Protein backbone atom coordinates (compact mmCIF):
# COMPACT_ATOMS: atom_id res chain seq x y z
CA UNK A 1 141.29 131.10 180.76
CA UNK A 2 144.18 129.42 178.47
CA UNK A 3 146.60 131.62 176.78
CA UNK A 4 145.78 130.41 173.63
CA UNK A 5 142.01 131.07 174.28
CA UNK A 6 142.95 134.68 175.45
CA UNK A 7 144.61 135.36 172.55
CA UNK A 8 141.79 133.79 170.22
CA UNK A 9 139.27 135.83 172.68
CA UNK A 10 141.53 138.96 171.57
CA UNK A 11 141.27 138.68 168.01
CA UNK A 12 137.70 138.31 168.00
CA UNK A 13 137.18 140.91 170.24
CA UNK A 14 139.55 143.36 167.56
CA UNK A 15 137.46 142.14 164.44
CA UNK A 16 134.18 143.04 166.56
CA UNK A 17 135.76 146.50 167.88
CA UNK A 18 136.58 147.05 163.93
CA UNK A 19 133.91 146.16 162.41
CA UNK A 20 131.20 148.13 164.73
CA UNK A 21 133.31 151.26 163.77
CA UNK A 22 132.39 150.98 160.16
CA UNK A 23 129.54 152.79 159.20
CA UNK A 24 125.91 151.79 157.95
CA UNK A 25 126.17 150.17 154.46
CA UNK A 26 124.47 153.26 153.57
CA UNK A 27 126.72 155.43 154.57
CA UNK A 28 129.61 153.41 153.00
CA UNK A 29 128.31 153.57 149.77
CA UNK A 30 127.73 157.33 149.90
CA UNK A 31 131.71 158.16 151.09
CA UNK A 32 132.31 155.48 148.20
CA UNK A 33 130.49 157.65 145.76
CA UNK A 34 132.01 160.99 147.26
CA UNK A 35 135.17 159.13 147.18
CA UNK A 36 134.97 158.11 143.25
CA UNK A 37 134.04 162.07 142.62
CA UNK A 38 137.60 163.15 144.27
CA UNK A 39 139.30 160.40 142.50
CA UNK A 40 138.04 161.14 138.82
CA UNK A 41 139.47 164.78 139.93
CA UNK A 42 142.62 163.84 140.17
CA UNK A 43 142.50 161.07 137.53
CA UNK A 44 141.60 163.85 135.08
CA UNK A 45 143.86 166.59 136.59
CA UNK A 46 147.01 163.73 135.52
CA UNK A 47 144.94 163.47 132.18
CA UNK A 48 144.38 159.84 132.61
CA UNK A 49 143.47 157.82 129.29
CA UNK A 50 142.41 154.07 128.35
CA UNK A 51 141.85 152.24 125.22
CA UNK A 52 138.99 150.02 125.56
CA UNK A 53 139.61 146.47 124.12
CA UNK A 54 138.51 146.00 120.69
CA UNK A 55 138.45 149.64 119.84
CA UNK A 56 140.79 152.41 118.76
CA UNK A 57 139.05 155.04 120.59
CA UNK A 58 140.77 156.69 123.43
CA UNK A 59 138.66 158.04 126.46
CA UNK A 60 140.09 159.68 128.88
CA UNK A 61 139.10 159.83 132.94
CA UNK A 62 136.04 161.98 133.17
CA UNK A 63 136.34 164.58 136.36
CA UNK A 64 132.62 164.52 138.30
CA UNK A 65 133.23 167.53 139.66
CA UNK A 66 133.49 169.30 135.64
CA UNK A 67 130.43 171.26 134.51
CA UNK A 68 129.49 167.69 132.74
CA UNK A 69 130.19 166.04 135.58
CA UNK A 70 127.41 167.73 137.60
CA UNK A 71 125.32 167.82 134.95
CA UNK A 72 125.02 164.15 134.85
CA UNK A 73 124.79 163.67 138.17
CA UNK A 74 121.75 165.70 138.82
CA UNK A 75 120.24 164.46 135.84
CA UNK A 76 120.60 160.50 136.32
CA UNK A 77 120.75 160.66 139.99
CA UNK A 78 116.77 159.23 139.44
CA UNK A 79 117.48 157.08 136.46
CA UNK A 80 120.73 155.61 137.79
CA UNK A 81 118.47 154.21 141.01
CA UNK A 82 115.53 153.01 138.73
CA UNK A 83 117.21 151.84 136.19
CA UNK A 84 119.38 149.58 138.15
CA UNK A 85 119.00 146.34 137.06
CA UNK A 86 119.28 144.04 140.46
CA UNK A 87 116.38 146.77 141.88
CA UNK A 88 113.38 145.15 139.72
CA UNK A 89 114.59 141.79 139.37
CA UNK A 90 114.96 141.27 143.40
CA UNK A 91 111.52 142.92 144.19
CA UNK A 92 109.72 141.22 141.54
CA UNK A 93 111.04 137.77 142.79
CA UNK A 94 110.27 138.63 146.39
CA UNK A 95 106.60 139.76 145.91
CA UNK A 96 106.38 135.67 145.22
CA UNK A 97 108.47 133.87 147.46
CA UNK A 98 107.69 136.71 150.30
CA UNK A 99 103.66 135.67 149.72
CA UNK A 100 104.48 132.33 149.83
CA UNK A 101 106.47 132.95 153.17
CA UNK A 102 103.56 135.21 154.51
CA UNK A 103 101.07 132.76 154.06
CA UNK A 104 102.86 129.71 155.88
CA UNK A 105 104.01 127.71 152.77
CA UNK A 106 107.78 127.80 153.49
CA UNK A 107 107.36 127.56 157.20
CA UNK A 108 105.26 124.54 156.77
CA UNK A 109 108.43 122.40 154.18
CA UNK A 110 110.75 123.61 156.66
CA UNK A 111 109.05 122.04 159.84
CA UNK A 112 107.46 118.60 158.42
CA UNK A 113 110.94 118.25 156.12
CA UNK A 114 113.07 118.07 159.46
CA UNK A 115 110.52 116.91 162.13
CA UNK A 116 109.26 114.08 159.91
CA UNK A 117 112.81 112.66 158.93
CA UNK A 118 114.30 109.21 160.35
CA UNK A 119 116.15 109.70 163.03
CA UNK A 120 118.95 107.94 160.40
CA UNK A 121 118.50 110.74 158.23
CA UNK A 122 118.18 113.48 160.55
CA UNK A 123 121.08 115.68 160.48
CA UNK A 124 121.50 115.31 156.80
CA UNK A 125 117.64 116.67 156.62
CA UNK A 126 119.07 119.53 158.99
CA UNK A 127 121.77 120.63 157.13
CA UNK A 128 119.78 120.24 153.57
CA UNK A 129 116.87 122.10 154.62
CA UNK A 130 118.69 124.77 155.95
CA UNK A 131 120.80 124.77 152.74
CA UNK A 132 117.56 125.21 150.44
CA UNK A 133 115.97 127.44 153.32
CA UNK A 134 117.53 130.58 151.63
CA UNK A 135 114.16 130.45 149.16
CA UNK A 136 113.00 132.39 152.47
CA UNK A 137 115.80 134.35 152.12
CA UNK A 138 117.00 135.79 156.31
CA UNK A 139 114.09 133.74 157.60
CA UNK A 140 115.79 130.75 157.52
CA UNK A 141 118.52 131.56 159.62
CA UNK A 142 115.72 132.34 162.79
CA UNK A 143 113.50 129.47 161.89
CA UNK A 144 115.51 126.35 161.44
CA UNK A 145 118.45 126.53 163.79
CA UNK A 146 115.67 126.27 167.26
CA UNK A 147 114.03 123.79 165.02
CA UNK A 148 116.62 121.66 164.27
CA UNK A 149 118.03 121.66 168.14
CA UNK A 150 114.63 120.74 169.44
CA UNK A 151 114.85 117.67 166.86
CA UNK A 152 118.03 116.78 168.08
CA UNK A 153 116.83 117.13 171.47
CA UNK A 154 113.91 114.86 171.28
CA UNK A 155 115.90 112.09 169.67
CA UNK A 156 118.47 112.28 172.69
CA UNK A 157 121.39 114.20 170.87
CA UNK A 158 122.87 117.29 171.95
CA UNK A 159 120.68 120.40 171.08
CA UNK A 160 123.46 122.24 170.44
CA UNK A 161 124.87 120.20 167.54
CA UNK A 162 121.50 120.57 165.70
CA UNK A 163 121.33 124.29 166.36
CA UNK A 164 124.79 124.49 164.94
CA UNK A 165 124.07 122.47 161.80
CA UNK A 166 121.19 124.25 161.08
CA UNK A 167 122.47 127.92 161.33
CA UNK A 168 125.81 126.54 159.49
CA UNK A 169 124.00 125.28 157.04
CA UNK A 170 121.26 127.95 156.59
CA UNK A 171 123.97 130.68 157.05
CA UNK A 172 127.07 129.01 155.55
CA UNK A 173 125.66 127.84 152.73
CA UNK A 174 123.49 130.32 151.50
CA UNK A 175 124.38 130.34 148.04
CA UNK A 176 123.57 126.60 146.94
CA UNK A 177 120.54 125.98 146.23
CA UNK A 178 118.69 123.47 143.72
CA UNK A 179 116.53 126.36 142.55
CA UNK A 180 116.75 129.47 141.52
CA UNK A 181 116.18 132.15 144.14
CA UNK A 182 116.19 136.14 144.97
CA UNK A 183 120.17 135.83 145.65
CA UNK A 184 120.66 134.45 142.01
CA UNK A 185 118.32 137.51 140.36
CA UNK A 186 120.18 140.23 143.24
CA UNK A 187 124.18 138.97 142.45
CA UNK A 188 123.27 138.79 138.53
CA UNK A 189 122.05 142.11 137.89
CA UNK A 190 124.75 143.61 140.34
CA UNK A 191 127.23 141.51 137.68
CA UNK A 192 125.27 142.48 134.64
CA UNK A 193 126.12 146.51 135.65
CA UNK A 194 129.59 145.50 136.28
CA UNK A 195 130.20 143.55 132.84
CA UNK A 196 128.86 146.29 131.04
CA UNK A 197 131.80 148.42 131.62
CA UNK A 198 134.15 146.47 129.47
CA UNK A 199 131.03 144.90 127.22
CA UNK A 200 127.77 146.55 126.93
CA UNK A 201 125.97 143.63 125.67
CA UNK A 202 126.57 141.38 128.44
CA UNK A 203 124.26 139.93 130.23
CA UNK A 204 124.98 137.65 133.28
CA UNK A 205 121.72 135.76 134.04
CA UNK A 206 120.19 134.66 137.47
CA UNK A 207 120.74 130.67 136.31
CA UNK A 208 124.58 131.77 135.33
CA UNK A 209 125.39 129.52 138.58
CA UNK A 210 122.98 127.05 138.76
CA UNK A 211 124.11 123.92 137.79
CA UNK A 212 127.18 124.77 140.46
CA UNK A 213 124.54 125.47 142.89
CA UNK A 214 122.94 122.68 142.53
CA UNK A 215 126.21 120.32 143.15
CA UNK A 216 126.69 122.47 145.87
CA UNK A 217 123.94 121.74 147.63
CA UNK A 218 124.53 117.87 147.92
CA UNK A 219 128.21 118.22 148.35
CA UNK A 220 127.96 120.52 151.63
CA UNK A 221 124.64 118.75 152.50
CA UNK A 222 126.82 115.23 153.23
CA UNK A 223 130.08 117.74 154.16
CA UNK A 224 127.86 119.31 156.99
CA UNK A 225 126.44 116.39 158.34
CA UNK A 226 129.51 114.73 158.35
CA UNK A 227 131.31 117.37 160.22
CA UNK A 228 127.66 117.48 162.97
CA UNK A 229 128.53 114.04 163.44
CA UNK A 230 132.03 113.40 163.54
CA UNK A 231 133.09 116.63 164.71
CA UNK A 232 131.12 119.15 166.48
CA UNK A 233 128.50 116.31 168.58
CA UNK A 234 131.76 114.47 169.62
CA UNK A 235 133.33 117.62 170.86
CA UNK A 236 129.95 118.55 172.95
CA UNK A 237 129.76 115.17 174.41
CA UNK A 238 126.38 113.73 176.13
CA UNK A 239 123.73 116.48 176.98
CA UNK A 240 122.64 116.40 180.50
CA UNK A 241 120.71 119.10 180.83
CA UNK A 242 116.92 119.84 180.83
CA UNK A 243 115.08 122.51 179.02
CA UNK A 244 111.32 123.60 178.71
CA UNK A 245 109.64 122.20 175.23
CA UNK A 246 110.08 124.75 172.55
CA UNK A 247 106.74 126.72 171.56
CA UNK A 248 105.48 124.88 168.69
CA UNK A 249 103.73 126.73 165.62
CA UNK A 250 100.11 124.58 165.62
CA UNK A 251 99.17 123.89 162.10
CA UNK A 252 95.54 124.95 161.12
CA UNK A 253 93.30 121.75 160.06
CA UNK A 254 93.68 123.14 156.72
CA UNK A 255 97.49 123.19 156.12
CA UNK A 256 97.75 119.76 155.44
CA UNK A 257 95.37 120.26 152.38
CA UNK A 258 96.72 123.06 151.33
CA UNK A 259 99.96 121.75 150.94
CA UNK A 260 99.41 119.16 149.21
CA UNK A 261 96.93 120.88 146.91
CA UNK A 262 99.61 124.22 146.42
CA UNK A 263 102.14 121.49 145.39
CA UNK A 264 99.34 120.24 142.58
CA UNK A 265 98.83 123.71 141.50
CA UNK A 266 102.69 124.15 141.31
CA UNK A 267 103.27 120.72 138.86
CA UNK A 268 100.22 122.04 136.74
CA UNK A 269 101.92 125.23 136.21
CA UNK A 270 105.83 123.21 135.61
CA UNK A 271 103.78 120.74 133.15
CA UNK A 272 102.13 124.08 131.26
CA UNK A 273 105.92 125.27 131.02
CA UNK A 274 107.35 122.09 129.74
CA UNK A 275 104.59 122.03 126.93
CA UNK A 276 105.04 125.53 126.00
CA UNK A 277 108.62 124.85 125.54
CA UNK A 278 108.37 122.05 123.98
CA UNK A 279 106.07 122.75 121.32
CA UNK A 280 107.30 122.42 117.77
CA UNK A 281 108.25 126.55 116.97
CA UNK A 282 107.62 127.41 120.93
CA UNK A 283 108.00 131.14 121.09
CA UNK A 284 109.77 130.48 124.50
CA UNK A 285 112.94 129.06 122.71
CA UNK A 286 115.26 131.18 120.48
CA UNK A 287 116.05 131.95 117.48
CA UNK A 288 117.95 128.54 116.78
CA UNK A 289 115.55 126.17 118.57
CA UNK A 290 117.91 126.57 121.85
CA UNK A 291 117.47 127.22 125.29
CA UNK A 292 120.46 129.08 125.84
CA UNK A 293 119.65 132.35 124.09
CA UNK A 294 115.67 131.64 124.28
CA UNK A 295 113.21 134.16 125.66
CA UNK A 296 112.45 131.37 128.29
CA UNK A 297 116.04 131.93 130.09
CA UNK A 298 115.96 135.58 129.61
CA UNK A 299 112.61 135.85 131.47
CA UNK A 300 113.53 132.98 134.15
CA UNK A 301 112.52 136.08 137.03
CA UNK A 302 109.15 135.99 135.72
CA UNK A 303 108.94 132.25 135.41
CA UNK A 304 110.22 131.67 138.85
CA UNK A 305 107.28 134.65 140.10
CA UNK A 306 104.56 132.80 138.55
CA UNK A 307 105.40 129.17 140.13
CA UNK A 308 105.88 131.27 143.58
CA UNK A 309 103.08 132.85 143.24
CA UNK A 310 100.64 129.83 142.06
CA UNK A 311 101.85 127.63 145.10
CA UNK A 312 101.41 130.80 147.43
CA UNK A 313 97.90 131.82 146.95
CA UNK A 314 96.79 127.98 146.23
CA UNK A 315 98.60 127.30 149.78
CA UNK A 316 96.85 130.41 151.75
CA UNK A 317 93.62 130.27 149.52
CA UNK A 318 92.46 126.46 151.04
CA UNK A 319 94.26 127.74 154.50
CA UNK A 320 91.70 130.50 154.75
CA UNK A 321 94.32 132.82 155.50
CA UNK A 322 93.88 134.74 151.76
CA UNK A 323 90.08 135.47 151.73
CA UNK A 324 89.63 137.76 149.30
CA UNK A 325 92.45 139.57 146.97
CA UNK A 326 93.18 142.45 149.51
CA UNK A 327 94.52 139.67 151.33
CA UNK A 328 97.00 138.70 148.32
CA UNK A 329 97.80 142.54 147.94
CA UNK A 330 98.30 142.67 151.74
CA UNK A 331 100.57 139.58 152.18
CA UNK A 332 102.86 140.99 148.99
CA UNK A 333 103.24 144.44 150.31
CA UNK A 334 104.29 142.98 153.54
CA UNK A 335 106.87 141.19 151.41
CA UNK A 336 107.94 144.31 150.05
CA UNK A 337 108.11 146.48 153.16
CA UNK A 338 110.48 143.77 154.33
CA UNK A 339 112.74 145.11 151.69
CA UNK A 340 112.92 148.23 152.25
CA UNK A 341 116.60 148.49 153.72
CA UNK A 342 117.63 146.73 150.67
CA UNK A 343 116.08 149.41 148.41
CA UNK A 344 117.60 152.80 150.66
CA UNK A 345 120.88 150.75 150.22
CA UNK A 346 120.23 150.09 146.31
CA UNK A 347 119.99 153.61 146.05
CA UNK A 348 123.27 154.70 146.74
CA UNK A 349 125.03 151.67 146.05
CA UNK A 350 123.52 152.49 142.60
CA UNK A 351 125.34 155.88 142.56
CA UNK A 352 128.57 154.67 143.30
CA UNK A 353 128.63 152.13 140.39
CA UNK A 354 126.92 154.47 138.32
CA UNK A 355 129.59 157.31 139.00
CA UNK A 356 132.55 155.01 138.71
CA UNK A 357 131.50 153.77 135.28
CA UNK A 358 130.82 157.26 134.06
CA UNK A 359 133.80 158.39 134.81
CA UNK A 360 135.91 155.60 132.87
CA UNK A 361 137.65 155.00 136.02
CA UNK A 362 136.23 151.40 136.12
CA UNK A 363 137.63 150.93 132.64
CA UNK A 364 141.13 152.19 133.55
CA UNK A 365 141.25 150.28 136.70
CA UNK A 366 140.12 147.33 134.59
CA UNK A 367 142.60 147.77 131.99
CA UNK A 368 145.38 148.87 134.03
CA UNK A 369 145.11 146.16 136.15
CA UNK A 370 144.78 143.27 134.23
CA UNK A 371 147.97 144.42 132.66
CA UNK A 372 149.41 144.58 136.26
CA UNK A 373 148.07 141.17 136.72
CA UNK A 374 149.47 139.73 133.62
CA UNK A 375 153.38 141.18 134.21
CA UNK A 376 153.20 139.60 137.31
CA UNK A 377 151.82 136.49 135.97
CA UNK A 378 149.08 136.38 138.36
CA UNK A 379 146.49 134.68 136.47
CA UNK A 380 144.24 132.03 135.69
CA UNK A 381 143.11 129.68 138.97
CA UNK A 382 145.90 131.28 141.28
CA UNK A 383 144.10 134.63 140.55
CA UNK A 384 141.02 133.11 141.42
CA UNK A 385 141.86 131.46 144.93
CA UNK A 386 143.83 134.62 145.91
CA UNK A 387 140.18 136.77 145.11
CA UNK A 388 138.34 133.97 147.21
CA UNK A 389 141.09 134.79 150.25
CA UNK A 390 140.44 138.27 149.67
CA UNK A 391 136.68 138.18 149.94
CA UNK A 392 137.04 135.83 152.98
CA UNK A 393 138.46 138.62 154.72
CA UNK A 394 136.83 141.07 153.78
CA UNK A 395 133.67 138.93 154.96
CA UNK A 396 134.84 139.83 158.28
CA UNK A 397 134.27 143.34 158.49
CA UNK A 398 131.54 144.26 156.16
CA UNK A 399 128.65 140.96 156.34
CA UNK A 400 126.08 142.09 153.74
CA UNK A 401 126.62 139.90 150.71
CA UNK A 402 124.44 142.36 148.21
CA UNK A 403 126.41 145.21 149.95
CA UNK A 404 129.90 143.36 149.33
CA UNK A 405 128.96 142.62 146.26
CA UNK A 406 128.11 145.76 144.91
CA UNK A 407 131.38 146.69 146.18
CA UNK A 408 133.81 144.41 144.74
CA UNK A 409 132.05 143.79 141.50
CA UNK A 410 132.54 146.98 139.52
CA UNK A 411 136.47 146.72 140.11
CA UNK A 412 136.87 142.83 140.07
CA UNK A 413 134.48 141.51 137.17
CA UNK A 414 135.49 144.11 134.58
CA UNK A 415 139.28 143.36 135.85
CA UNK A 416 138.64 139.48 135.41
CA UNK A 417 136.93 139.97 132.18
CA UNK A 418 140.19 141.29 130.40
CA UNK A 419 142.03 138.13 131.51
CA UNK A 420 139.22 136.35 130.34
CA UNK A 421 137.17 135.02 133.21
CA UNK A 422 133.57 135.24 132.53
CA UNK A 423 131.75 137.40 134.97
CA UNK A 424 129.27 134.33 136.11
CA UNK A 425 132.57 132.55 137.20
CA UNK A 426 134.03 135.55 139.27
CA UNK A 427 130.40 135.60 140.77
CA UNK A 428 130.88 131.74 141.79
CA UNK A 429 133.77 132.85 143.38
CA UNK A 430 133.12 135.95 145.29
CA UNK A 431 129.45 133.30 146.90
CA UNK A 432 131.24 130.39 147.68
CA UNK A 433 133.61 132.99 149.52
CA UNK A 434 130.86 135.18 151.20
CA UNK A 435 129.16 132.01 152.17
CA UNK A 436 131.59 130.33 153.74
CA UNK A 437 132.65 132.69 156.46
CA UNK A 438 129.24 134.16 157.30
CA UNK A 439 129.12 132.43 160.44
CA UNK A 440 132.51 133.20 161.43
CA UNK A 441 132.50 136.88 161.94
CA UNK A 442 130.50 138.37 165.02
CA UNK A 443 129.47 140.94 163.39
CA UNK A 444 126.83 138.75 161.50
CA UNK A 445 123.24 140.45 162.69
CA UNK A 446 121.90 137.34 163.34
CA UNK A 447 124.45 136.36 165.98
CA UNK A 448 122.95 137.59 168.56
CA UNK A 449 119.92 135.61 168.01
CA UNK A 450 121.61 132.32 167.71
CA UNK A 451 123.55 133.32 171.10
CA UNK A 452 119.85 133.72 172.75
CA UNK A 453 119.18 130.25 171.34
CA UNK A 454 122.47 128.75 172.63
CA UNK A 455 122.08 129.99 175.90
CA UNK A 456 118.56 128.18 175.88
CA UNK A 457 120.77 124.59 176.67
CA UNK A 458 123.97 126.63 177.61
CA UNK A 459 123.95 129.43 180.06
CA UNK A 460 127.66 130.81 180.04
CA UNK A 461 127.67 130.48 175.96
CA UNK A 462 128.91 133.40 174.28
CA UNK A 463 130.76 134.57 170.83
CA UNK A 464 133.76 132.37 171.44
CA UNK A 465 131.63 129.65 171.73
CA UNK A 466 129.49 130.23 168.70
CA UNK A 467 132.44 130.74 166.12
CA UNK A 468 134.44 127.59 167.85
CA UNK A 469 131.37 125.62 166.91
CA UNK A 470 131.28 127.35 163.38
CA UNK A 471 135.09 127.25 161.78
CA UNK A 472 134.71 123.49 161.20
CA UNK A 473 131.93 124.23 158.82
CA UNK A 474 133.39 127.04 157.77
CA UNK A 475 136.49 125.20 157.43
CA UNK A 476 134.87 122.32 155.63
CA UNK A 477 132.60 123.96 153.55
CA UNK A 478 135.21 126.56 151.80
CA UNK A 479 137.90 123.62 151.07
CA UNK A 480 134.56 121.80 149.62
CA UNK A 481 133.67 124.52 147.62
CA UNK A 482 137.36 125.56 146.45
CA UNK A 483 137.89 121.54 145.27
CA UNK A 484 134.52 121.93 143.38
CA UNK A 485 135.42 125.32 141.36
CA UNK A 486 138.66 124.22 140.94
CA UNK A 487 137.16 120.82 138.50
CA UNK A 488 134.83 123.32 137.15
CA UNK A 489 137.96 125.65 135.88
CA UNK A 490 140.18 122.43 134.70
CA UNK A 491 137.38 120.48 133.21
CA UNK A 492 135.28 123.66 131.45
CA UNK A 493 132.09 122.32 132.80
CA UNK A 494 129.56 125.12 132.44
CA UNK A 495 128.86 126.56 135.43
CA UNK A 496 125.08 127.59 134.53
CA UNK A 497 124.18 127.50 130.88
CA UNK A 498 126.42 128.84 128.94
CA UNK A 499 128.52 129.70 131.84
CA UNK A 500 132.38 128.58 131.89
CA UNK A 501 135.52 130.07 132.82
CA UNK A 502 135.67 131.36 129.52
CA UNK A 503 134.41 134.40 128.04
């Protein structure tokens, strides 16, 4: 092993050691909530005050250890949790998406799209389906890489290249998609809660980054495929090993018919929505006949939920997986059960954000932080780029995207709002930094799984092997995304309906 490789391994080992010493995200937010309580006492001791924008009212930083503070904590602990916007949004989405996953609809799409793709388009198909796979949340990270490796192997190409492309697309391209998915609802809910610190009327919609995500999907597909064919495959060379064929899931005799009918059912659902939108005086449109402030856009989560329920139930019934309403309820329950870890995390994350907001420290930090950034002339695009670097660095230690955004949003969303930056734009900057670096941190919970797949083709492969394969994708993706975000910033084009860089 060369001196350079030894230094690289020491750095990676150091990151892994530090990250492993971090507490479980539940306790991380619990400690942060306690820290906010202590900090509120210190701020109130020095009589810290702040004047919110657009008002003459001066707010004092309130002490969470005071009688008023203790009363607030005891009487609002439950409502802080139940009233936390992301909770209902994500569970609602997972009822529909999870049903479609449990009956096999999403898995069928992924398998048939990659396996049946023309050889010349296989690489693009792998990356595209990997990116789109976040419809099924983390399931795509487990399903797509080994399937891509198998396809590459059958085509006489290096299977590890397929594995790398599948993992990079599914994990690093996680934030992009042509559709609005659970991640959009989750992050938008946290963004909304944080934005209300400055503007109680502010709502960040799940479609806030939709246009940006659509363009990202196509760009990253091209970039990811080029990295695979121009960098990864030449580096790996010719694969001379042999492996046992991967076990393939046998489709039921009804699967193809179920898939076709579910697509027809989904198309009918979309057609009914389109008719409902464009009929004269449609109740789905806004008061001025526009879509930006319409009930349709405000209710986009139940609309998407309905779509996944329609296709999932149709697929399940035709494929004989759903024989009664009990089966539908059972699959929905399984999907929500998979969210149990998230629900536990949200309980304490909601307390942290609520304590931070009630004490007025969030407003104080946002106002004074914004003034400091102005005083050193760090605003605009330069600030956004610096924030991307910060989030990317933090991702090496905290891999949960939702936990990290719940940690960052209450500070950076209000602060950047004071500088005139729309919370939807801040959210987009966060997403590209978080997603790009998912695949180069040893703390990624799926690293062990992917390394196990790697060992099927290379018995000596380890964490260093995987990270060395992923670095080209991370660099290419983050550069592509920064250029794209800069383009949106400079042109003022909307990232989603009604969302530009400016408030």
